[in-house]
Amino acid sequence: VWGKRQLYELLCDFWSNHFNIDVNHDTAAAHK
């Protein structure tokens, strides 16, 4: 919403989904 690195944030969203890790996973949560 407030950042200036807009294309970068879209790419971060893309790669977060490509290498998806569910933050609700008990053991993975603190590492996410």
PDB file of all heavy atoms in Angstrom:
ATOM      1  N   VAL A   1       0.819  -1.214   0.000  1.00  0.00           N
ATOM      2  CA  VAL A   1       0.000   0.000   0.000  1.00  0.00           C
ATOM      3  C   VAL A   1       0.854   1.265   0.000  1.00  0.00           C
ATOM      4  O   VAL A   1       0.601   2.198  -0.775  1.00  0.00           O
ATOM      5  CB  VAL A   1      -0.957   0.009   1.213  1.00  0.00           C
ATOM      6  CG1 VAL A   1      -1.749   1.318   1.260  1.00  0.00           C
ATOM      7  CG2 VAL A   1      -1.912  -1.176   1.156  1.00  0.00           C
ATOM      8  N   TRP A   2       1.873   1.314   0.854  1.00  0.00           N
ATOM      9  CA  TRP A   2       2.611   2.562   1.050  1.00  0.00           C
ATOM     10  C   TRP A   2       4.048   2.521   0.521  1.00  0.00           C
ATOM     11  O   TRP A   2       4.740   3.528   0.533  1.00  0.00           O
ATOM     12  CB  TRP A   2       2.623   2.933   2.530  1.00  0.00           C
ATOM     13  CG  TRP A   2       1.269   3.308   3.034  1.00  0.00           C
ATOM     14  CD1 TRP A   2       0.598   4.486   2.823  1.00  0.00           C
ATOM     15  CD2 TRP A   2       0.389   2.501   3.829  1.00  0.00           C
ATOM     16  NE1 TRP A   2      -0.628   4.460   3.428  1.00  0.00           N
ATOM     17  CE2 TRP A   2      -0.794   3.261   4.068  1.00  0.00           C
ATOM     18  CE3 TRP A   2       0.473   1.219   4.377  1.00  0.00           C
ATOM     19  CZ2 TRP A   2      -1.863   2.774   4.804  1.00  0.00           C
ATOM     20  CZ3 TRP A   2      -0.591   0.737   5.122  1.00  0.00           C
ATOM     21  CH2 TRP A   2      -1.743   1.503   5.325  1.00  0.00           C
ATOM     22  N   GLY A   3       4.507   1.382   0.039  1.00  0.00           N
ATOM     23  CA  GLY A   3       5.868   1.287  -0.440  1.00  0.00           C
ATOM     24  C   GLY A   3       6.048   1.838  -1.842  1.00  0.00           C
ATOM     25  O   GLY A   3       5.103   1.954  -2.622  1.00  0.00           O
ATOM     26  N   LYS A   4       7.300   2.162  -2.172  1.00  0.00           N
ATOM     27  CA  LYS A   4       7.642   2.676  -3.496  1.00  0.00           C
ATOM     28  C   LYS A   4       8.194   1.586  -4.419  1.00  0.00           C
ATOM     29  O   LYS A   4       8.249   1.774  -5.627  1.00  0.00           O
ATOM     30  CB  LYS A   4       8.671   3.802  -3.367  1.00  0.00           C
ATOM     31  CG  LYS A   4       8.159   5.039  -2.640  1.00  0.00           C
ATOM     32  CD  LYS A   4       9.241   6.101  -2.539  1.00  0.00           C
ATOM     33  CE  LYS A   4       8.739   7.348  -1.815  1.00  0.00           C
ATOM     34  NZ  LYS A   4       9.819   8.378  -1.686  1.00  0.00           N
ATOM     35  N   ARG A   5       8.607   0.465  -3.841  1.00  0.00           N
ATOM     36  CA  ARG A   5       9.169  -0.628  -4.644  1.00  0.00           C
ATOM     37  C   ARG A   5       8.040  -1.524  -5.136  1.00  0.00           C
ATOM     38  O   ARG A   5       7.939  -2.705  -4.788  1.00  0.00           O
ATOM     39  CB  ARG A   5      10.164  -1.431  -3.810  1.00  0.00           C
ATOM     40  CG  ARG A   5      11.349  -0.624  -3.311  1.00  0.00           C
ATOM     41  CD  ARG A   5      12.170  -1.435  -2.310  1.00  0.00           C
ATOM     42  NE  ARG A   5      13.355  -0.699  -1.870  1.00  0.00           N
ATOM     43  CZ  ARG A   5      14.187  -1.120  -0.910  1.00  0.00           C
ATOM     44  NH1 ARG A   5      13.937  -2.275  -0.291  1.00  0.00           N
ATOM     45  NH2 ARG A   5      15.231  -0.398  -0.574  1.00  0.00           N
ATOM     46  N   GLN A   6       7.188  -0.994  -5.976  1.00  0.00           N
ATOM     47  CA  GLN A   6       5.954  -1.679  -6.330  1.00  0.00           C
ATOM     48  C   GLN A   6       6.179  -2.945  -7.164  1.00  0.00           C
ATOM     49  O   GLN A   6       5.624  -4.002  -6.854  1.00  0.00           O
ATOM     50  CB  GLN A   6       5.029  -0.706  -7.055  1.00  0.00           C
ATOM     51  CG  GLN A   6       4.405   0.314  -6.131  1.00  0.00           C
ATOM     52  CD  GLN A   6       3.361  -0.291  -5.213  1.00  0.00           C
ATOM     53  OE1 GLN A   6       2.321  -0.764  -5.657  1.00  0.00           O
ATOM     54  NE2 GLN A   6       3.635  -0.296  -3.914  1.00  0.00           N
ATOM     55  N   LEU A   7       6.963  -2.866  -8.214  1.00  0.00           N
ATOM     56  CA  LEU A   7       7.210  -4.059  -9.033  1.00  0.00           C
ATOM     57  C   LEU A   7       7.942  -5.117  -8.212  1.00  0.00           C
ATOM     58  O   LEU A   7       7.636  -6.313  -8.313  1.00  0.00           O
ATOM     59  CB  LEU A   7       8.020  -3.695 -10.274  1.00  0.00           C
ATOM     60  CG  LEU A   7       8.433  -4.844 -11.200  1.00  0.00           C
ATOM     61  CD1 LEU A   7       7.228  -5.667 -11.644  1.00  0.00           C
ATOM     62  CD2 LEU A   7       9.186  -4.310 -12.416  1.00  0.00           C
ATOM     63  N   TYR A   8       8.868  -4.700  -7.399  1.00  0.00           N
ATOM     64  CA  TYR A   8       9.583  -5.635  -6.525  1.00  0.00           C
ATOM     65  C   TYR A   8       8.623  -6.365  -5.591  1.00  0.00           C
ATOM     66  O   TYR A   8       8.734  -7.584  -5.396  1.00  0.00           O
ATOM     67  CB  TYR A   8      10.631  -4.859  -5.731  1.00  0.00           C
ATOM     68  CG  TYR A   8      11.305  -5.623  -4.617  1.00  0.00           C
ATOM     69  CD1 TYR A   8      12.179  -6.669  -4.883  1.00  0.00           C
ATOM     70  CD2 TYR A   8      11.080  -5.274  -3.283  1.00  0.00           C
ATOM     71  CE1 TYR A   8      12.811  -7.353  -3.850  1.00  0.00           C
ATOM     72  CE2 TYR A   8      11.710  -5.946  -2.259  1.00  0.00           C
ATOM     73  CZ  TYR A   8      12.571  -6.986  -2.534  1.00  0.00           C
ATOM     74  OH  TYR A   8      13.189  -7.654  -1.510  1.00  0.00           O
ATOM     75  N   GLU A   9       7.670  -5.645  -5.028  1.00  0.00           N
ATOM     76  CA  GLU A   9       6.715  -6.282  -4.119  1.00  0.00           C
ATOM     77  C   GLU A   9       5.832  -7.278  -4.866  1.00  0.00           C
ATOM     78  O   GLU A   9       5.478  -8.333  -4.330  1.00  0.00           O
ATOM     79  CB  GLU A   9       5.865  -5.231  -3.410  1.00  0.00           C
ATOM     80  CG  GLU A   9       6.627  -4.378  -2.420  1.00  0.00           C
ATOM     81  CD  GLU A   9       7.347  -5.188  -1.352  1.00  0.00           C
ATOM     82  OE1 GLU A   9       6.811  -6.249  -0.941  1.00  0.00           O
ATOM     83  OE2 GLU A   9       8.429  -4.767  -0.915  1.00  0.00           O
ATOM     84  N   LEU A  10       5.469  -6.957  -6.100  1.00  0.00           N
ATOM     85  CA  LEU A  10       4.706  -7.921  -6.899  1.00  0.00           C
ATOM     86  C   LEU A  10       5.532  -9.176  -7.167  1.00  0.00           C
ATOM     87  O   LEU A  10       5.001 -10.296  -7.157  1.00  0.00           O
ATOM     88  CB  LEU A  10       4.266  -7.280  -8.213  1.00  0.00           C
ATOM     89  CG  LEU A  10       3.144  -6.246  -8.122  1.00  0.00           C
ATOM     90  CD1 LEU A  10       2.980  -5.522  -9.449  1.00  0.00           C
ATOM     91  CD2 LEU A  10       1.831  -6.896  -7.702  1.00  0.00           C
ATOM     92  N   LEU A  11       6.815  -8.994  -7.413  1.00  0.00           N
ATOM     93  CA  LEU A  11       7.691 -10.152  -7.630  1.00  0.00           C
ATOM     94  C   LEU A  11       7.868 -10.947  -6.340  1.00  0.00           C
ATOM     95  O   LEU A  11       7.911 -12.183  -6.371  1.00  0.00           O
ATOM     96  CB  LEU A  11       9.042  -9.696  -8.169  1.00  0.00           C
ATOM     97  CG  LEU A  11       9.031  -9.248  -9.635  1.00  0.00           C
ATOM     98  CD1 LEU A  11      10.332  -8.528  -9.998  1.00  0.00           C
ATOM     99  CD2 LEU A  11       8.817 -10.445 -10.565  1.00  0.00           C
ATOM    100  N   CYS A  12       7.953 -10.270  -5.212  1.00  0.00           N
ATOM    101  CA  CYS A  12       8.040 -10.991  -3.935  1.00  0.00           C
ATOM    102  C   CYS A  12       6.788 -11.826  -3.705  1.00  0.00           C
ATOM    103  O   CYS A  12       6.867 -12.966  -3.220  1.00  0.00           O
ATOM    104  CB  CYS A  12       8.243 -10.004  -2.782  1.00  0.00           C
ATOM    105  SG  CYS A  12       9.888  -9.263  -2.716  1.00  0.00           S
ATOM    106  N   ASP A  13       5.644 -11.268  -4.050  1.00  0.00           N
ATOM    107  CA  ASP A  13       4.395 -12.020  -3.949  1.00  0.00           C
ATOM    108  C   ASP A  13       4.431 -13.241  -4.862  1.00  0.00           C
ATOM    109  O   ASP A  13       4.016 -14.347  -4.475  1.00  0.00           O
ATOM    110  CB  ASP A  13       3.220 -11.114  -4.314  1.00  0.00           C
ATOM    111  CG  ASP A  13       1.896 -11.863  -4.356  1.00  0.00           C
ATOM    112  OD1 ASP A  13       1.369 -12.200  -3.292  1.00  0.00           O
ATOM    113  OD2 ASP A  13       1.398 -12.126  -5.474  1.00  0.00           O
ATOM    114  N   PHE A  14       4.933 -13.059  -6.079  1.00  0.00           N
ATOM    115  CA  PHE A  14       5.028 -14.173  -7.027  1.00  0.00           C
ATOM    116  C   PHE A  14       5.907 -15.292  -6.464  1.00  0.00           C
ATOM    117  O   PHE A  14       5.524 -16.469  -6.465  1.00  0.00           O
ATOM    118  CB  PHE A  14       5.598 -13.672  -8.353  1.00  0.00           C
ATOM    119  CG  PHE A  14       5.869 -14.778  -9.353  1.00  0.00           C
ATOM    120  CD1 PHE A  14       4.867 -15.217 -10.194  1.00  0.00           C
ATOM    121  CD2 PHE A  14       7.116 -15.387  -9.424  1.00  0.00           C
ATOM    122  CE1 PHE A  14       5.097 -16.242 -11.106  1.00  0.00           C
ATOM    123  CE2 PHE A  14       7.365 -16.413 -10.327  1.00  0.00           C
ATOM    124  CZ  PHE A  14       6.352 -16.844 -11.171  1.00  0.00           C
ATOM    125  N   TRP A  15       7.089 -14.947  -5.972  1.00  0.00           N
ATOM    126  CA  TRP A  15       8.018 -15.978  -5.485  1.00  0.00           C
ATOM    127  C   TRP A  15       7.555 -16.590  -4.170  1.00  0.00           C
ATOM    128  O   TRP A  15       7.824 -17.765  -3.893  1.00  0.00           O
ATOM    129  CB  TRP A  15       9.424 -15.401  -5.355  1.00  0.00           C
ATOM    130  CG  TRP A  15      10.033 -15.027  -6.677  1.00  0.00           C
ATOM    131  CD1 TRP A  15      10.414 -13.784  -7.094  1.00  0.00           C
ATOM    132  CD2 TRP A  15      10.310 -15.915  -7.774  1.00  0.00           C
ATOM    133  NE1 TRP A  15      10.903 -13.839  -8.380  1.00  0.00           N
ATOM    134  CE2 TRP A  15      10.849 -15.130  -8.820  1.00  0.00           C
ATOM    135  CE3 TRP A  15      10.150 -17.283  -7.981  1.00  0.00           C
ATOM    136  CZ2 TRP A  15      11.246 -15.670 -10.048  1.00  0.00           C
ATOM    137  CZ3 TRP A  15      10.527 -17.824  -9.203  1.00  0.00           C
ATOM    138  CH2 TRP A  15      11.066 -17.032 -10.211  1.00  0.00           C
ATOM    139  N   SER A  16       6.833 -15.816  -3.371  1.00  0.00           N
ATOM    140  CA  SER A  16       6.268 -16.386  -2.140  1.00  0.00           C
ATOM    141  C   SER A  16       5.292 -17.504  -2.465  1.00  0.00           C
ATOM    142  O   SER A  16       5.191 -18.499  -1.731  1.00  0.00           O
ATOM    143  CB  SER A  16       5.556 -15.296  -1.322  1.00  0.00           C
ATOM    144  OG  SER A  16       6.467 -14.398  -0.768  1.00  0.00           O
ATOM    145  N   ASN A  17       4.561 -17.342  -3.562  1.00  0.00           N
ATOM    146  CA  ASN A  17       3.637 -18.385  -3.988  1.00  0.00           C
ATOM    147  C   ASN A  17       4.351 -19.523  -4.700  1.00  0.00           C
ATOM    148  O   ASN A  17       3.963 -20.684  -4.576  1.00  0.00           O
ATOM    149  CB  ASN A  17       2.559 -17.785  -4.890  1.00  0.00           C
ATOM    150  CG  ASN A  17       1.498 -17.054  -4.103  1.00  0.00           C
ATOM    151  OD1 ASN A  17       0.638 -17.657  -3.486  1.00  0.00           O
ATOM    152  ND2 ASN A  17       1.565 -15.733  -4.100  1.00  0.00           N
ATOM    153  N   HIS A  18       5.398 -19.190  -5.443  1.00  0.00           N
ATOM    154  CA  HIS A  18       6.151 -20.239  -6.135  1.00  0.00           C
ATOM    155  C   HIS A  18       6.804 -21.183  -5.138  1.00  0.00           C
ATOM    156  O   HIS A  18       6.793 -22.410  -5.324  1.00  0.00           O
ATOM    157  CB  HIS A  18       7.206 -19.600  -7.035  1.00  0.00           C
ATOM    158  CG  HIS A  18       7.943 -20.588  -7.883  1.00  0.00           C
ATOM    159  ND1 HIS A  18       7.413 -21.137  -9.026  1.00  0.00           N
ATOM    160  CD2 HIS A  18       9.181 -21.154  -7.741  1.00  0.00           C
ATOM    161  CE1 HIS A  18       8.273 -21.987  -9.564  1.00  0.00           C
ATOM    162  NE2 HIS A  18       9.359 -22.015  -8.808  1.00  0.00           N
ATOM    163  N   PHE A  19       7.378 -20.612  -4.090  1.00  0.00           N
ATOM    164  CA  PHE A  19       7.992 -21.410  -3.018  1.00  0.00           C
ATOM    165  C   PHE A  19       7.089 -21.347  -1.782  1.00  0.00           C
ATOM    166  O   PHE A  19       7.516 -20.962  -0.693  1.00  0.00           O
ATOM    167  CB  PHE A  19       9.383 -20.870  -2.672  1.00  0.00           C
ATOM    168  CG  PHE A  19      10.418 -21.068  -3.746  1.00  0.00           C
ATOM    169  CD1 PHE A  19      10.860 -19.993  -4.513  1.00  0.00           C
ATOM    170  CD2 PHE A  19      10.963 -22.310  -3.990  1.00  0.00           C
ATOM    171  CE1 PHE A  19      11.827 -20.156  -5.500  1.00  0.00           C
ATOM    172  CE2 PHE A  19      11.930 -22.499  -4.972  1.00  0.00           C
ATOM    173  CZ  PHE A  19      12.363 -21.417  -5.729  1.00  0.00           C
ATOM    174  N   ASN A  20       5.838 -21.712  -1.961  1.00  0.00           N
ATOM    175  CA  ASN A  20       4.854 -21.481  -0.912  1.00  0.00           C
ATOM    176  C   ASN A  20       5.145 -22.266   0.367  1.00  0.00           C
ATOM    177  O   ASN A  20       5.468 -23.460   0.335  1.00  0.00           O
ATOM    178  CB  ASN A  20       3.450 -21.855  -1.400  1.00  0.00           C
ATOM    179  CG  ASN A  20       2.386 -21.482  -0.395  1.00  0.00           C
ATOM    180  OD1 ASN A  20       2.255 -20.323  -0.049  1.00  0.00           O
ATOM    181  ND2 ASN A  20       1.647 -22.458   0.107  1.00  0.00           N
ATOM    182  N   ILE A  21       5.007 -21.575   1.482  1.00  0.00           N
ATOM    183  CA  ILE A  21       5.100 -22.168   2.820  1.00  0.00           C
ATOM    184  C   ILE A  21       3.961 -21.589   3.644  1.00  0.00           C
ATOM    185  O   ILE A  21       3.859 -20.360   3.792  1.00  0.00           O
ATOM    186  CB  ILE A  21       6.448 -21.841   3.491  1.00  0.00           C
ATOM    187  CG1 ILE A  21       7.609 -22.433   2.704  1.00  0.00           C
ATOM    188  CG2 ILE A  21       6.470 -22.362   4.933  1.00  0.00           C
ATOM    189  CD1 ILE A  21       8.973 -21.894   3.108  1.00  0.00           C
ATOM    190  N   ASP A  22       3.108 -22.428   4.159  1.00  0.00           N
ATOM    191  CA  ASP A  22       1.963 -21.980   4.943  1.00  0.00           C
ATOM    192  C   ASP A  22       2.428 -21.559   6.333  1.00  0.00           C
ATOM    193  O   ASP A  22       2.948 -22.361   7.102  1.00  0.00           O
ATOM    194  CB  ASP A  22       0.941 -23.113   5.040  1.00  0.00           C
ATOM    195  CG  ASP A  22      -0.301 -22.714   5.825  1.00  0.00           C
ATOM    196  OD1 ASP A  22      -0.465 -21.517   6.108  1.00  0.00           O
ATOM    197  OD2 ASP A  22      -1.106 -23.610   6.153  1.00  0.00           O
ATOM    198  N   VAL A  23       2.233 -20.292   6.665  1.00  0.00           N
ATOM    199  CA  VAL A  23       2.673 -19.789   7.965  1.00  0.00           C
ATOM    200  C   VAL A  23       1.858 -20.384   9.110  1.00  0.00           C
ATOM    201  O   VAL A  23       2.234 -20.259  10.280  1.00  0.00           O
ATOM    202  CB  VAL A  23       2.593 -18.242   7.983  1.00  0.00           C
ATOM    203  CG1 VAL A  23       1.146 -17.772   8.069  1.00  0.00           C
ATOM    204  CG2 VAL A  23       3.421 -17.660   9.118  1.00  0.00           C
ATOM    205  N   ASN A  24       0.739 -21.051   8.797  1.00  0.00           N
ATOM    206  CA  ASN A  24      -0.054 -21.718   9.844  1.00  0.00           C
ATOM    207  C   ASN A  24       0.518 -23.081  10.237  1.00  0.00           C
ATOM    208  O   ASN A  24       0.038 -23.691  11.185  1.00  0.00           O
ATOM    209  CB  ASN A  24      -1.498 -21.882   9.372  1.00  0.00           C
ATOM    210  CG  ASN A  24      -2.201 -20.553   9.187  1.00  0.00           C
ATOM    211  OD1 ASN A  24      -2.414 -19.818  10.142  1.00  0.00           O
ATOM    212  ND2 ASN A  24      -2.545 -20.227   7.948  1.00  0.00           N
ATOM    213  N   HIS A  25       1.493 -23.558   9.484  1.00  0.00           N
ATOM    214  CA  HIS A  25       2.169 -24.808   9.824  1.00  0.00           C
ATOM    215  C   HIS A  25       2.937 -24.592  11.125  1.00  0.00           C
ATOM    216  O   HIS A  25       3.812 -23.720  11.219  1.00  0.00           O
ATOM    217  CB  HIS A  25       3.120 -25.187   8.687  1.00  0.00           C
ATOM    218  CG  HIS A  25       3.817 -26.494   8.857  1.00  0.00           C
ATOM    219  ND1 HIS A  25       4.908 -26.653   9.689  1.00  0.00           N
ATOM    220  CD2 HIS A  25       3.604 -27.712   8.296  1.00  0.00           C
ATOM    221  CE1 HIS A  25       5.342 -27.894   9.621  1.00  0.00           C
ATOM    222  NE2 HIS A  25       4.552 -28.562   8.790  1.00  0.00           N
ATOM    223  N   ASP A  26       2.630 -25.389  12.148  1.00  0.00           N
ATOM    224  CA  ASP A  26       3.144 -25.125  13.493  1.00  0.00           C
ATOM    225  C   ASP A  26       4.655 -24.936  13.541  1.00  0.00           C
ATOM    226  O   ASP A  26       5.160 -23.963  14.102  1.00  0.00           O
ATOM    227  CB  ASP A  26       2.736 -26.254  14.449  1.00  0.00           C
ATOM    228  CG  ASP A  26       1.262 -26.204  14.806  1.00  0.00           C
ATOM    229  OD1 ASP A  26       0.645 -25.145  14.573  1.00  0.00           O
ATOM    230  OD2 ASP A  26       0.735 -27.201  15.309  1.00  0.00           O
ATOM    231  N   THR A  27       5.394 -25.877  12.948  1.00  0.00           N
ATOM    232  CA  THR A  27       6.846 -25.817  13.053  1.00  0.00           C
ATOM    233  C   THR A  27       7.443 -24.766  12.128  1.00  0.00           C
ATOM    234  O   THR A  27       8.459 -24.149  12.448  1.00  0.00           O
ATOM    235  CB  THR A  27       7.470 -27.189  12.726  1.00  0.00           C
ATOM    236  OG1 THR A  27       6.683 -28.217  13.330  1.00  0.00           O
ATOM    237  CG2 THR A  27       8.881 -27.286  13.262  1.00  0.00           C
ATOM    238  N   ALA A  28       6.812 -24.540  10.995  1.00  0.00           N
ATOM    239  CA  ALA A  28       7.354 -23.592  10.017  1.00  0.00           C
ATOM    240  C   ALA A  28       7.081 -22.139  10.384  1.00  0.00           C
ATOM    241  O   ALA A  28       7.792 -21.240   9.913  1.00  0.00           O
ATOM    242  CB  ALA A  28       6.782 -23.888   8.631  1.00  0.00           C
ATOM    243  N   ALA A  29       6.068 -21.891  11.207  1.00  0.00           N
ATOM    244  CA  ALA A  29       5.598 -20.525  11.449  1.00  0.00           C
ATOM    245  C   ALA A  29       6.713 -19.576  11.886  1.00  0.00           C
ATOM    246  O   ALA A  29       6.897 -18.503  11.303  1.00  0.00           O
ATOM    247  CB  ALA A  29       4.479 -20.531  12.477  1.00  0.00           C
ATOM    248  N   ALA A  30       7.461 -19.956  12.898  1.00  0.00           N
ATOM    249  CA  ALA A  30       8.493 -19.057  13.421  1.00  0.00           C
ATOM    250  C   ALA A  30       9.631 -18.846  12.425  1.00  0.00           C
ATOM    251  O   ALA A  30      10.341 -17.839  12.495  1.00  0.00           O
ATOM    252  CB  ALA A  30       9.052 -19.605  14.732  1.00  0.00           C
ATOM    253  N   HIS A  31       9.795 -19.788  11.500  1.00  0.00           N
ATOM    254  CA  HIS A  31      10.861 -19.680  10.491  1.00  0.00           C
ATOM    255  C   HIS A  31      10.439 -18.870   9.266  1.00  0.00           C
ATOM    256  O   HIS A  31      11.301 -18.446   8.493  1.00  0.00           O
ATOM    257  CB  HIS A  31      11.275 -21.078  10.016  1.00  0.00           C
ATOM    258  CG  HIS A  31      11.937 -21.923  11.057  1.00  0.00           C
ATOM    259  ND1 HIS A  31      13.173 -21.620  11.577  1.00  0.00           N
ATOM    260  CD2 HIS A  31      11.543 -23.077  11.655  1.00  0.00           C
ATOM    261  CE1 HIS A  31      13.519 -22.555  12.458  1.00  0.00           C
ATOM    262  NE2 HIS A  31      12.547 -23.443  12.524  1.00  0.00           N
ATOM    263  N   LYS A  32       9.132 -18.676   9.067  1.00  0.00           N
ATOM    264  CA  LYS A  32       8.660 -18.068   7.831  1.00  0.00           C
ATOM    265  C   LYS A  32       9.163 -16.639   7.614  1.00  0.00           C
ATOM    266  O   LYS A  32       9.533 -16.279   6.486  1.00  0.00           O
ATOM    267  CB  LYS A  32       7.130 -18.129   7.769  1.00  0.00           C
ATOM    268  CG  LYS A  32       6.527 -17.497   6.520  1.00  0.00           C
ATOM    269  CD  LYS A  32       7.101 -18.072   5.225  1.00  0.00           C
ATOM    270  CE  LYS A  32       6.597 -17.304   4.016  1.00  0.00           C
ATOM    271  NZ  LYS A  32       7.334 -17.640   2.780  1.00  0.00           N
TER     272      LYS A  32
END
